[in-house]
């Protein structure tokens, strides 16, 4: 089975969406609902979406984060 680009899935849904809209994406549908919920958690934790009510979400920012958090330099 091919890997799903969850960034592509997020880009395919409208600004306000629910799991049903996510499941319309062929990649997400192939993975199933059980894999959609961890993706929602990742998106929410990273600030890309916010929960507006039970089962409904809204995109906060369209772009992918540009930099990852780095570890501070070791002190000598």
PDB file of N, CA and C in Angstrom:
ATOM      1  N   UNK A   1       0.844  -1.180   0.000  1.00  0.00           N
ATOM      2  CA  UNK A   1       0.000   0.000   0.000  1.00  0.00           C
ATOM      3  C   UNK A   1       0.889   1.243   0.000  1.00  0.00           C
ATOM      4  N   UNK A   2       0.515   2.210  -0.809  1.00  0.00           N
ATOM      5  CA  UNK A   2       1.283   3.444  -0.956  1.00  0.00           C
ATOM      6  C   UNK A   2       1.088   4.348   0.271  1.00  0.00           C
ATOM      7  N   UNK A   3       2.141   5.076   0.627  1.00  0.00           N
ATOM      8  CA  UNK A   3       2.053   6.015   1.756  1.00  0.00           C
ATOM      9  C   UNK A   3       1.116   7.165   1.409  1.00  0.00           C
ATOM     10  N   UNK A   4       0.421   7.663   2.406  1.00  0.00           N
ATOM     11  CA  UNK A   4      -0.502   8.776   2.210  1.00  0.00           C
ATOM     12  C   UNK A   4       0.203  10.075   2.583  1.00  0.00           C
ATOM     13  N   UNK A   5       0.076  11.073   1.729  1.00  0.00           N
ATOM     14  CA  UNK A   5       0.586  12.404   2.051  1.00  0.00           C
ATOM     15  C   UNK A   5      -0.526  13.129   2.805  1.00  0.00           C
ATOM     16  N   UNK A   6      -0.399  13.180   4.126  1.00  0.00           N
ATOM     17  CA  UNK A   6      -1.441  13.799   4.942  1.00  0.00           C
ATOM     18  C   UNK A   6      -1.494  15.299   4.710  1.00  0.00           C
ATOM     19  N   UNK A   7      -0.384  15.899   4.262  1.00  0.00           N
ATOM     20  CA  UNK A   7      -0.409  17.317   3.889  1.00  0.00           C
ATOM     21  C   UNK A   7      -1.333  17.521   2.690  1.00  0.00           C
ATOM     22  N   UNK A   8      -1.271  16.601   1.758  1.00  0.00           N
ATOM     23  CA  UNK A   8      -2.129  16.650   0.570  1.00  0.00           C
ATOM     24  C   UNK A   8      -3.591  16.457   0.972  1.00  0.00           C
ATOM     25  N   UNK A   9      -3.837  15.559   1.911  1.00  0.00           N
ATOM     26  CA  UNK A   9      -5.205  15.316   2.395  1.00  0.00           C
ATOM     27  C   UNK A   9      -5.748  16.596   3.023  1.00  0.00           C
ATOM     28  N   UNK A  10      -4.948  17.233   3.879  1.00  0.00           N
ATOM     29  CA  UNK A  10      -5.391  18.473   4.530  1.00  0.00           C
ATOM     30  C   UNK A  10      -5.661  19.558   3.495  1.00  0.00           C
ATOM     31  N   UNK A  11      -4.825  19.637   2.481  1.00  0.00           N
ATOM     32  CA  UNK A  11      -5.013  20.649   1.433  1.00  0.00           C
ATOM     33  C   UNK A  11      -6.296  20.399   0.633  1.00  0.00           C
ATOM     34  N   UNK A  12      -6.764  19.157   0.581  1.00  0.00           N
ATOM     35  CA  UNK A  12      -7.930  18.816  -0.236  1.00  0.00           C
ATOM     36  C   UNK A  12      -9.268  19.110   0.436  1.00  0.00           C
ATOM     37  N   UNK A  13      -9.266  19.341   1.742  1.00  0.00           N
ATOM     38  CA  UNK A  13     -10.532  19.580   2.441  1.00  0.00           C
ATOM     39  C   UNK A  13     -10.841  21.070   2.481  1.00  0.00           C
ATOM     40  N   UNK A  14     -12.131  21.436   2.635  1.00  0.00           N
ATOM     41  CA  UNK A  14     -12.479  22.863   2.727  1.00  0.00           C
ATOM     42  C   UNK A  14     -11.956  23.482   4.027  1.00  0.00           C
ATOM     43  N   UNK A  15     -12.102  24.800   4.177  1.00  0.00           N
ATOM     44  CA  UNK A  15     -11.601  25.499   5.366  1.00  0.00           C
ATOM     45  C   UNK A  15     -12.206  24.918   6.646  1.00  0.00           C
ATOM     46  N   UNK A  16     -13.477  24.630   6.639  1.00  0.00           N
ATOM     47  CA  UNK A  16     -14.141  23.958   7.765  1.00  0.00           C
ATOM     48  C   UNK A  16     -14.541  22.572   7.296  1.00  0.00           C
ATOM     49  N   UNK A  17     -14.197  21.575   8.074  1.00  0.00           N
ATOM     50  CA  UNK A  17     -14.397  20.204   7.623  1.00  0.00           C
ATOM     51  C   UNK A  17     -14.616  19.253   8.793  1.00  0.00           C
ATOM     52  N   UNK A  18     -15.018  18.060   8.446  1.00  0.00           N
ATOM     53  CA  UNK A  18     -15.171  16.973   9.404  1.00  0.00           C
ATOM     54  C   UNK A  18     -14.534  15.716   8.822  1.00  0.00           C
ATOM     55  N   UNK A  19     -14.650  14.627   9.541  1.00  0.00           N
ATOM     56  CA  UNK A  19     -14.043  13.367   9.105  1.00  0.00           C
ATOM     57  C   UNK A  19     -14.635  12.917   7.768  1.00  0.00           C
ATOM     58  N   UNK A  20     -15.922  13.181   7.552  1.00  0.00           N
ATOM     59  CA  UNK A  20     -16.545  12.761   6.291  1.00  0.00           C
ATOM     60  C   UNK A  20     -15.870  13.403   5.076  1.00  0.00           C
ATOM     61  N   UNK A  21     -15.485  14.673   5.195  1.00  0.00           N
ATOM     62  CA  UNK A  21     -14.788  15.334   4.086  1.00  0.00           C
ATOM     63  C   UNK A  21     -13.392  14.746   3.884  1.00  0.00           C
ATOM     64  N   UNK A  22     -12.724  14.405   4.977  1.00  0.00           N
ATOM     65  CA  UNK A  22     -11.401  13.785   4.869  1.00  0.00           C
ATOM     66  C   UNK A  22     -11.504  12.438   4.159  1.00  0.00           C
ATOM     67  N   UNK A  23     -12.540  11.684   4.473  1.00  0.00           N
ATOM     68  CA  UNK A  23     -12.706  10.347   3.900  1.00  0.00           C
ATOM     69  C   UNK A  23     -13.008  10.376   2.400  1.00  0.00           C
ATOM     70  N   UNK A  24     -13.313  11.534   1.837  1.00  0.00           N
ATOM     71  CA  UNK A  24     -13.530  11.652   0.390  1.00  0.00           C
ATOM     72  C   UNK A  24     -12.208  11.597  -0.375  1.00  0.00           C
ATOM     73  N   UNK A  25     -11.090  11.864   0.310  1.00  0.00           N
ATOM     74  CA  UNK A  25      -9.778  11.788  -0.325  1.00  0.00           C
ATOM     75  C   UNK A  25      -9.428  10.313  -0.505  1.00  0.00           C
ATOM     76  N   UNK A  26      -9.022   9.894  -1.711  1.00  0.00           N
ATOM     77  CA  UNK A  26      -8.754   8.469  -1.956  1.00  0.00           C
ATOM     78  C   UNK A  26      -7.689   7.862  -1.042  1.00  0.00           C
ATOM     79  N   UNK A  27      -6.651   8.615  -0.743  1.00  0.00           N
ATOM     80  CA  UNK A  27      -5.596   8.100   0.124  1.00  0.00           C
ATOM     81  C   UNK A  27      -6.090   7.864   1.539  1.00  0.00           C
ATOM     82  N   UNK A  28      -6.839   8.820   2.067  1.00  0.00           N
ATOM     83  CA  UNK A  28      -7.384   8.680   3.425  1.00  0.00           C
ATOM     84  C   UNK A  28      -8.403   7.555   3.469  1.00  0.00           C
ATOM     85  N   UNK A  29      -9.214   7.441   2.418  1.00  0.00           N
ATOM     86  CA  UNK A  29     -10.213   6.371   2.372  1.00  0.00           C
ATOM     87  C   UNK A  29      -9.545   5.002   2.358  1.00  0.00           C
ATOM     88  N   UNK A  30      -8.411   4.899   1.669  1.00  0.00           N
ATOM     89  CA  UNK A  30      -7.687   3.628   1.605  1.00  0.00           C
ATOM     90  C   UNK A  30      -7.138   3.246   2.979  1.00  0.00           C
ATOM     91  N   UNK A  31      -6.730   4.238   3.767  1.00  0.00           N
ATOM     92  CA  UNK A  31      -6.187   3.976   5.105  1.00  0.00           C
ATOM     93  C   UNK A  31      -7.297   3.683   6.116  1.00  0.00           C
ATOM     94  N   UNK A  32      -8.437   4.330   5.948  1.00  0.00           N
ATOM     95  CA  UNK A  32      -9.557   4.102   6.853  1.00  0.00           C
ATOM     96  C   UNK A  32      -9.632   5.130   7.967  1.00  0.00           C
ATOM     97  N   UNK A  33     -10.788   5.170   8.614  1.00  0.00           N
ATOM     98  CA  UNK A  33     -11.045   6.144   9.681  1.00  0.00           C
ATOM     99  C   UNK A  33     -10.064   6.028  10.837  1.00  0.00           C
ATOM    100  N   UNK A  34      -9.609   4.829  11.126  1.00  0.00           N
ATOM    101  CA  UNK A  34      -8.708   4.624  12.260  1.00  0.00           C
ATOM    102  C   UNK A  34      -7.411   5.408  12.100  1.00  0.00           C
ATOM    103  N   UNK A  35      -6.996   5.698  10.866  1.00  0.00           N
ATOM    104  CA  UNK A  35      -5.769   6.464  10.634  1.00  0.00           C
ATOM    105  C   UNK A  35      -6.031   7.959  10.501  1.00  0.00           C
ATOM    106  N   UNK A  36      -7.291   8.351  10.339  1.00  0.00           N
ATOM    107  CA  UNK A  36      -7.627   9.768  10.205  1.00  0.00           C
ATOM    108  C   UNK A  36      -7.496  10.473  11.555  1.00  0.00           C
ATOM    109  N   UNK A  37      -7.904   9.818  12.622  1.00  0.00           N
ATOM    110  CA  UNK A  37      -7.885  10.460  13.941  1.00  0.00           C
ATOM    111  C   UNK A  37      -6.473  10.818  14.418  1.00  0.00           C
ATOM    112  N   UNK A  38      -5.466   9.960  14.236  1.00  0.00           N
ATOM    113  CA  UNK A  38      -4.107  10.392  14.582  1.00  0.00           C
ATOM    114  C   UNK A  38      -3.640  11.587  13.734  1.00  0.00           C
ATOM    115  N   UNK A  39      -4.051  11.627  12.470  1.00  0.00           N
ATOM    116  CA  UNK A  39      -3.689  12.759  11.606  1.00  0.00           C
ATOM    117  C   UNK A  39      -4.321  14.042  12.147  1.00  0.00           C
ATOM    118  N   UNK A  40      -5.585  13.972  12.562  1.00  0.00           N
ATOM    119  CA  UNK A  40      -6.250  15.143  13.143  1.00  0.00           C
ATOM    120  C   UNK A  40      -5.505  15.626  14.389  1.00  0.00           C
ATOM    121  N   UNK A  41      -5.081  14.682  15.217  1.00  0.00           N
ATOM    122  CA  UNK A  41      -4.336  15.030  16.431  1.00  0.00           C
ATOM    123  C   UNK A  41      -3.018  15.718  16.083  1.00  0.00           C
ATOM    124  N   UNK A  42      -2.294  15.187  15.083  1.00  0.00           N
ATOM    125  CA  UNK A  42      -1.029  15.810  14.659  1.00  0.00           C
ATOM    126  C   UNK A  42      -1.266  17.227  14.145  1.00  0.00           C
ATOM    127  N   UNK A  43      -2.287  17.397  13.314  1.00  0.00           N
ATOM    128  CA  UNK A  43      -2.583  18.714  12.759  1.00  0.00           C
ATOM    129  C   UNK A  43      -2.972  19.698  13.858  1.00  0.00           C
ATOM    130  N   UNK A  44      -3.758  19.232  14.829  1.00  0.00           N
ATOM    131  CA  UNK A  44      -4.194  20.104  15.917  1.00  0.00           C
ATOM    132  C   UNK A  44      -3.009  20.487  16.811  1.00  0.00           C
ATOM    133  N   UNK A  45      -2.161  19.523  17.127  1.00  0.00           N
ATOM    134  CA  UNK A  45      -0.991  19.772  17.966  1.00  0.00           C
ATOM    135  C   UNK A  45      -0.018  20.745  17.304  1.00  0.00           C
ATOM    136  N   UNK A  46       0.128  20.628  15.986  1.00  0.00           N
ATOM    137  CA  UNK A  46       1.063  21.500  15.271  1.00  0.00           C
ATOM    138  C   UNK A  46       0.459  22.865  14.943  1.00  0.00           C
ATOM    139  N   UNK A  47      -0.808  23.082  15.286  1.00  0.00           N
ATOM    140  CA  UNK A  47      -1.423  24.384  15.063  1.00  0.00           C
ATOM    141  C   UNK A  47      -1.949  24.602  13.666  1.00  0.00           C
ATOM    142  N   UNK A  48      -2.062  23.550  12.892  1.00  0.00           N
ATOM    143  CA  UNK A  48      -2.544  23.698  11.512  1.00  0.00           C
ATOM    144  C   UNK A  48      -4.060  23.743  11.438  1.00  0.00           C
ATOM    145  N   UNK A  49      -4.726  23.139  12.435  1.00  0.00           N
ATOM    146  CA  UNK A  49      -6.185  23.163  12.513  1.00  0.00           C
ATOM    147  C   UNK A  49      -6.587  23.438  13.956  1.00  0.00           C
ATOM    148  N   UNK A  50      -7.854  23.819  14.139  1.00  0.00           N
ATOM    149  CA  UNK A  50      -8.397  23.920  15.494  1.00  0.00           C
ATOM    150  C   UNK A  50      -9.785  23.299  15.484  1.00  0.00           C
ATOM    151  N   UNK A  51     -10.175  22.756  16.632  1.00  0.00           N
ATOM    152  CA  UNK A  51     -11.494  22.145  16.776  1.00  0.00           C
ATOM    153  C   UNK A  51     -12.489  23.256  17.046  1.00  0.00           C
ATOM    154  N   UNK A  52     -13.546  23.339  16.246  1.00  0.00           N
ATOM    155  CA  UNK A  52     -14.544  24.381  16.442  1.00  0.00           C
ATOM    156  C   UNK A  52     -15.782  23.843  17.144  1.00  0.00           C
ATOM    157  N   UNK A  53     -16.010  22.555  17.052  1.00  0.00           N
ATOM    158  CA  UNK A  53     -17.064  21.869  17.790  1.00  0.00           C
ATOM    159  C   UNK A  53     -16.788  20.378  17.666  1.00  0.00           C
ATOM    160  N   UNK A  54     -17.569  19.580  18.332  1.00  0.00           N
ATOM    161  CA  UNK A  54     -17.337  18.143  18.284  1.00  0.00           C
ATOM    162  C   UNK A  54     -17.417  17.636  16.844  1.00  0.00           C
ATOM    163  N   UNK A  55     -16.317  17.058  16.382  1.00  0.00           N
ATOM    164  CA  UNK A  55     -16.275  16.478  15.048  1.00  0.00           C
ATOM    165  C   UNK A  55     -16.097  17.461  13.910  1.00  0.00           C
ATOM    166  N   UNK A  56     -15.933  18.745  14.209  1.00  0.00           N
ATOM    167  CA  UNK A  56     -15.733  19.770  13.171  1.00  0.00           C
ATOM    168  C   UNK A  56     -14.444  20.522  13.445  1.00  0.00           C
ATOM    169  N   UNK A  57     -13.710  20.788  12.384  1.00  0.00           N
ATOM    170  CA  UNK A  57     -12.404  21.426  12.498  1.00  0.00           C
ATOM    171  C   UNK A  57     -12.313  22.564  11.497  1.00  0.00           C
ATOM    172  N   UNK A  58     -11.360  23.465  11.740  1.00  0.00           N
ATOM    173  CA  UNK A  58     -11.121  24.584  10.839  1.00  0.00           C
ATOM    174  C   UNK A  58      -9.622  24.721  10.617  1.00  0.00           C
ATOM    175  N   UNK A  59      -9.242  24.956   9.360  1.00  0.00           N
ATOM    176  CA  UNK A  59      -7.831  25.173   9.053  1.00  0.00           C
ATOM    177  C   UNK A  59      -7.412  26.510   9.647  1.00  0.00           C
ATOM    178  N   UNK A  60      -6.246  26.532  10.270  1.00  0.00           N
ATOM    179  CA  UNK A  60      -5.726  27.759  10.866  1.00  0.00           C
ATOM    180  C   UNK A  60      -4.716  28.397   9.943  1.00  0.00           C
ATOM    181  N   UNK A  61      -3.784  27.616   9.452  1.00  0.00           N
ATOM    182  CA  UNK A  61      -2.816  28.125   8.481  1.00  0.00           C
ATOM    183  C   UNK A  61      -2.662  27.093   7.378  1.00  0.00           C
ATOM    184  N   UNK A  62      -2.537  27.595   6.167  1.00  0.00           N
ATOM    185  CA  UNK A  62      -2.524  26.705   5.011  1.00  0.00           C
ATOM    186  C   UNK A  62      -1.166  26.077   4.766  1.00  0.00           C
ATOM    187  N   UNK A  63      -0.106  26.762   5.146  1.00  0.00           N
ATOM    188  CA  UNK A  63       1.216  26.255   4.798  1.00  0.00           C
ATOM    189  C   UNK A  63       1.777  25.326   5.860  1.00  0.00           C
ATOM    190  N   UNK A  64       2.700  24.525   5.419  1.00  0.00           N
ATOM    191  CA  UNK A  64       3.407  23.602   6.294  1.00  0.00           C
ATOM    192  C   UNK A  64       4.418  24.385   7.122  1.00  0.00           C
ATOM    193  N   UNK A  65       4.645  24.003   8.378  1.00  0.00           N
ATOM    194  CA  UNK A  65       5.674  24.702   9.150  1.00  0.00           C
ATOM    195  C   UNK A  65       7.018  24.652   8.420  1.00  0.00           C
ATOM    196  N   UNK A  66       7.726  25.767   8.408  1.00  0.00           N
ATOM    197  CA  UNK A  66       8.958  25.845   7.619  1.00  0.00           C
ATOM    198  C   UNK A  66      10.167  25.277   8.339  1.00  0.00           C
ATOM    199  N   UNK A  67      10.200  25.347   9.649  1.00  0.00           N
ATOM    200  CA  UNK A  67      11.364  24.828  10.354  1.00  0.00           C
ATOM    201  C   UNK A  67      10.939  23.943  11.512  1.00  0.00           C
ATOM    202  N   UNK A  68      11.769  22.967  11.776  1.00  0.00           N
ATOM    203  CA  UNK A  68      11.513  22.092  12.905  1.00  0.00           C
ATOM    204  C   UNK A  68      12.264  22.626  14.107  1.00  0.00           C
ATOM    205  N   UNK A  69      11.767  22.304  15.260  1.00  0.00           N
ATOM    206  CA  UNK A  69      12.431  22.728  16.486  1.00  0.00           C
ATOM    207  C   UNK A  69      13.776  22.019  16.591  1.00  0.00           C
ATOM    208  N   UNK A  70      14.785  22.776  16.931  1.00  0.00           N
ATOM    209  CA  UNK A  70      16.117  22.182  17.041  1.00  0.00           C
ATOM    210  C   UNK A  70      16.548  22.148  18.488  1.00  0.00           C
ATOM    211  N   UNK A  71      17.442  21.266  18.758  1.00  0.00           N
ATOM    212  CA  UNK A  71      17.972  21.122  20.104  1.00  0.00           C
ATOM    213  C   UNK A  71      18.988  22.245  20.343  1.00  0.00           C
ATOM    214  N   UNK A  72      18.958  22.881  21.539  1.00  0.00           N
ATOM    215  CA  UNK A  72      19.936  23.931  21.806  1.00  0.00           C
ATOM    216  C   UNK A  72      21.358  23.364  21.839  1.00  0.00           C
ATOM    217  N   UNK A  73      22.312  24.216  21.537  1.00  0.00           N
ATOM    218  CA  UNK A  73      23.722  23.798  21.499  1.00  0.00           C
ATOM    219  C   UNK A  73      24.170  23.347  22.895  1.00  0.00           C
ATOM    220  N   UNK A  74      25.022  22.341  22.933  1.00  0.00           N
ATOM    221  CA  UNK A  74      25.539  21.852  24.205  1.00  0.00           C
ATOM    222  C   UNK A  74      26.500  22.869  24.792  1.00  0.00           C
ATOM    223  N   UNK A  75      26.400  23.024  26.110  1.00  0.00           N
ATOM    224  CA  UNK A  75      27.340  23.920  26.813  1.00  0.00           C
ATOM    225  C   UNK A  75      28.594  23.137  27.150  1.00  0.00           C
ATOM    226  N   UNK A  76      29.728  23.782  27.064  1.00  0.00           N
ATOM    227  CA  UNK A  76      30.998  23.115  27.376  1.00  0.00           C
ATOM    228  C   UNK A  76      31.426  23.379  28.779  1.00  0.00           C
TER     229      UNK A  76
END
